[in-house]
Amino acid sequence: MFEKDGVSRRSFVKQSLVATGVAGGVLGNVQTVAADKPQTLTVDGNGKYEVVVNDPNATGRNLEDDRINDFDRKTKINGNVEGDKDIIDFDGWITRISLEGDIVADVYGSDDTPGGDVVVSGDEGGSQYAFTVSNSVEATADCEDESIYGGDTVNGTLNDYGDDDTFEVIGTITTASTFSFEEEVTFKYVD
C-alpha cells in the first residue's frame, strides 16, 4: 500500500522537510525534494492490465492488491480494475501496455518522444482496439482493418491469432482501449 491513514510517502517526506526547515534544522532553505511526475496514467473499466513504463521510480495510487515492480530502469505494473480507477504516476512514456477486458487507459502529461512504432498484437482473431498518440500516426503495410481519425487516433481489428498491426508514430501513446473480456491486446512502443 502506498498510503497509510491518508498520508502518502511523498506527502510525509514533504511535511517532514517543511517541519525541519521551519524549526531551523539542517536545511538552510526548504525545497521540495519529491517533485510530481509529469505523466499520469489512469486505467478505468473492468478487466486486467499490465503496463511497462521507462521510469524505475513510477508510483501508484488506488492500486490495492495490484503489483508494481521496478526492473532494468523500468517499472511494470500488473493490475485489475472492477469499475474502479487505478492511477500510475511516472516520468517518461509507456513502452508496453496489455489490456484484457473492457478497459480504457488514458495518459495525462507532457512528455513526448521523437517517434517510433507502435505494434498492436492480440491473442485472438477479431480483437478490437483503439489508441491515440500525442502527435501523429500512420499505418504501415501490415495493417489490414484499421481507420485513422484526425491523424492521431486509430480504431482497428486484429484479423487472426498472431496478427500484428504496426503504426509509425510521432509522440507517445496517450489512450489505449479494448472492447472485450475474452481477448488480450498488447500495445508495444518501439523506438
Protein backbone atom coordinates (compact mmCIF):
# COMPACT_ATOMS: atom_id res chain seq x y z
CA MET A 1 0.00 0.00 0.00
CA PHE A 2 1.38 3.40 -0.92
CA GLU A 3 -0.74 5.31 1.58
CA LYS A 4 -1.38 4.91 5.28
CA ASP A 5 -4.00 6.87 7.21
CA GLY A 6 -4.39 9.25 4.25
CA VAL A 7 -0.68 10.14 4.18
CA SER A 8 1.41 9.06 1.22
CA ARG A 9 5.17 8.61 1.42
CA ARG A 10 5.69 11.68 -0.79
CA SER A 11 3.50 13.95 1.36
CA PHE A 12 5.17 12.60 4.53
CA VAL A 13 8.62 13.49 3.14
CA LYS A 14 7.42 16.99 2.16
CA GLN A 15 5.82 17.55 5.59
CA SER A 16 8.95 16.32 7.36
CA LEU A 17 11.20 18.61 5.34
CA VAL A 18 8.95 21.62 5.92
CA ALA A 19 8.87 20.91 9.67
CA THR A 20 12.65 20.58 9.75
CA GLY A 21 13.07 23.82 7.78
CA VAL A 22 10.61 25.77 9.94
CA ALA A 23 12.29 24.53 13.11
CA GLY A 24 15.66 25.74 11.81
CA GLY A 25 17.02 22.29 11.13
CA VAL A 26 19.94 21.24 8.99
CA LEU A 27 18.38 22.55 5.78
CA GLY A 28 19.12 26.24 5.36
CA ASN A 29 16.25 26.70 2.95
CA VAL A 30 13.35 24.39 2.24
CA GLN A 31 12.95 22.95 -1.24
CA THR A 32 10.54 20.32 -2.46
CA VAL A 33 12.52 17.11 -2.81
CA ALA A 34 9.92 14.87 -4.48
CA ALA A 35 8.55 16.75 -7.48
CA ASP A 36 5.35 15.48 -9.05
CA LYS A 37 5.78 13.13 -12.00
CA PRO A 38 4.93 14.77 -15.36
CA GLN A 39 2.81 11.83 -16.61
CA THR A 40 -0.27 10.23 -15.06
CA LEU A 41 -1.86 7.03 -16.40
CA THR A 42 -5.42 6.20 -15.36
CA VAL A 43 -6.81 2.71 -16.01
CA ASP A 44 -10.60 2.53 -15.86
CA GLY A 45 -13.20 -0.15 -16.61
CA ASN A 46 -13.41 -3.89 -15.97
CA GLY A 47 -10.58 -6.32 -16.64
CA LYS A 48 -6.85 -6.96 -16.27
CA TYR A 49 -3.90 -4.89 -17.41
CA GLU A 50 -0.11 -4.84 -17.48
CA VAL A 51 1.83 -1.63 -18.08
CA VAL A 52 5.57 -1.06 -18.52
CA VAL A 53 6.93 2.50 -18.32
CA ASN A 54 10.54 3.60 -18.81
CA ASP A 55 10.75 5.07 -15.29
CA PRO A 56 12.13 2.86 -12.48
CA ASN A 57 10.54 5.15 -9.87
CA ALA A 58 6.91 5.11 -11.01
CA THR A 59 4.35 5.22 -8.20
CA GLY A 60 0.74 4.12 -7.95
CA ARG A 61 -2.45 5.33 -6.31
CA ASN A 62 -5.53 3.21 -5.58
CA LEU A 63 -3.69 0.05 -6.67
CA GLU A 64 -4.90 -2.11 -3.72
CA ASP A 65 -3.74 -5.70 -4.43
CA ASP A 66 -2.06 -4.85 -7.74
CA ARG A 67 1.69 -5.35 -8.13
CA ILE A 68 4.26 -2.71 -9.00
CA ASN A 69 7.85 -3.83 -9.65
CA ASP A 70 10.91 -1.96 -10.88
CA PHE A 71 13.44 -3.69 -13.15
CA ASP A 72 16.09 -2.73 -15.68
CA ARG A 73 15.39 1.04 -15.43
CA LYS A 74 11.64 0.43 -15.94
CA THR A 75 8.54 -0.19 -13.84
CA LYS A 76 5.99 -2.95 -14.53
CA ILE A 77 2.50 -2.74 -13.05
CA ASN A 78 0.07 -5.70 -13.11
CA GLY A 79 -3.44 -4.91 -12.03
CA ASN A 80 -7.19 -5.41 -12.15
CA VAL A 81 -9.97 -2.87 -12.30
CA GLU A 82 -13.57 -3.70 -11.47
CA GLY A 83 -15.40 -0.44 -12.02
CA ASP A 84 -12.72 1.46 -10.11
CA LYS A 85 -9.80 3.51 -11.40
CA ASP A 86 -6.08 2.79 -10.91
CA ILE A 87 -3.62 5.70 -11.23
CA ILE A 88 0.09 5.46 -12.04
CA ASP A 89 2.45 8.47 -11.91
CA PHE A 90 5.63 8.26 -13.96
CA ASP A 91 8.29 10.19 -15.84
CA GLY A 92 8.86 9.16 -19.46
CA TRP A 93 6.46 7.12 -21.57
CA ILE A 94 4.67 3.79 -21.85
CA THR A 95 6.82 1.16 -23.55
CA ARG A 96 4.19 -1.62 -23.41
CA ILE A 97 0.59 -1.92 -22.29
CA SER A 98 -1.59 -5.05 -22.36
CA LEU A 99 -5.33 -4.78 -21.74
CA GLU A 100 -7.81 -7.61 -21.29
CA GLY A 101 -11.45 -6.67 -20.85
CA ASP A 102 -13.48 -3.53 -21.35
CA ILE A 103 -10.73 -1.11 -20.30
CA VAL A 104 -9.62 2.40 -21.19
CA ALA A 105 -6.13 3.61 -20.27
CA ASP A 106 -5.50 7.38 -20.54
CA VAL A 107 -2.20 9.24 -20.15
CA TYR A 108 -2.20 12.85 -18.99
CA GLY A 109 1.02 14.81 -19.18
CA SER A 110 3.51 16.41 -21.48
CA ASP A 111 6.44 14.06 -22.10
CA ASP A 112 6.83 13.44 -25.85
CA THR A 113 9.33 11.25 -27.65
CA PRO A 114 10.70 11.87 -31.13
CA GLY A 115 8.87 8.89 -32.63
CA GLY A 116 8.93 5.19 -33.30
CA ASP A 117 6.49 2.37 -33.94
CA VAL A 118 3.50 1.10 -32.00
CA VAL A 119 2.95 -2.63 -32.58
CA VAL A 120 -0.53 -3.89 -31.69
CA SER A 121 -0.90 -7.65 -31.16
CA GLY A 122 -3.58 -9.92 -29.72
CA ASP A 123 -4.24 -13.42 -28.50
CA GLU A 124 -7.42 -13.94 -30.55
CA GLY A 125 -8.61 -13.13 -34.05
CA GLY A 126 -11.18 -10.35 -34.15
CA SER A 127 -9.70 -8.40 -31.23
CA GLN A 128 -10.89 -4.81 -31.48
CA TYR A 129 -8.72 -1.97 -30.24
CA ALA A 130 -8.26 1.79 -30.30
CA PHE A 131 -5.40 4.10 -29.38
CA THR A 132 -4.38 7.74 -29.63
CA VAL A 133 -0.89 9.24 -29.76
CA SER A 134 0.25 12.71 -28.74
CA ASN A 135 1.14 13.87 -32.26
CA SER A 136 0.58 11.74 -35.38
CA VAL A 137 0.17 8.14 -36.54
CA GLU A 138 0.39 6.36 -39.92
CA ALA A 139 -0.45 2.75 -40.75
CA THR A 140 2.23 0.52 -42.28
CA ALA A 141 1.68 -2.13 -44.97
CA ASP A 142 0.83 -4.91 -42.46
CA CYS A 143 -2.37 -3.16 -41.28
CA GLU A 144 -5.48 -4.70 -42.85
CA ASP A 145 -8.51 -3.43 -40.96
CA GLU A 146 -7.99 -0.05 -39.31
CA SER A 147 -9.17 3.54 -39.55
CA ILE A 148 -7.18 6.64 -38.62
CA TYR A 149 -9.07 9.73 -37.43
CA GLY A 150 -7.66 13.23 -37.07
CA GLY A 151 -4.15 11.97 -37.81
CA ASP A 152 -3.64 10.75 -34.21
CA THR A 153 -6.36 8.17 -33.39
CA VAL A 154 -6.64 4.56 -34.62
CA ASN A 155 -9.56 2.12 -34.44
CA GLY A 156 -8.68 -1.37 -35.62
CA THR A 157 -9.29 -5.10 -35.56
CA LEU A 158 -6.69 -7.86 -35.45
CA ASN A 159 -7.80 -10.41 -38.04
CA ASP A 160 -6.15 -13.65 -36.90
CA TYR A 161 -4.26 -15.10 -33.96
CA GLY A 162 -0.67 -13.88 -34.27
CA ASP A 163 -1.74 -10.88 -36.37
CA ASP A 164 0.22 -7.70 -35.62
CA ASP A 165 -0.60 -4.18 -36.78
CA THR A 166 2.34 -1.76 -36.87
CA PHE A 167 1.97 2.01 -36.92
CA GLU A 168 4.61 4.71 -37.34
CA VAL A 169 4.06 7.33 -34.65
CA ILE A 170 5.42 10.67 -33.59
CA GLY A 171 4.81 11.17 -29.89
CA THR A 172 3.66 8.78 -27.19
CA ILE A 173 0.58 6.64 -26.54
CA THR A 174 -1.98 8.82 -24.75
CA THR A 175 -5.00 6.46 -24.81
CA ALA A 176 -5.37 2.72 -25.37
CA SER A 177 -8.54 0.64 -25.15
CA THR A 178 -10.02 -2.79 -25.84
CA PHE A 179 -13.64 -3.81 -26.09
CA SER A 180 -13.95 -7.44 -24.97
CA PHE A 181 -13.31 -9.52 -21.85
CA GLU A 182 -12.17 -12.55 -23.81
CA GLU A 183 -9.22 -11.09 -25.68
CA GLU A 184 -5.92 -9.54 -24.66
CA VAL A 185 -4.48 -6.76 -26.80
CA THR A 186 -0.90 -5.51 -26.36
CA PHE A 187 0.33 -2.08 -27.47
CA LYS A 188 4.14 -2.03 -27.62
CA TYR A 189 6.11 1.15 -28.25
CA VAL A 190 9.34 0.51 -30.18
CA ASP A 191 11.69 3.48 -30.61
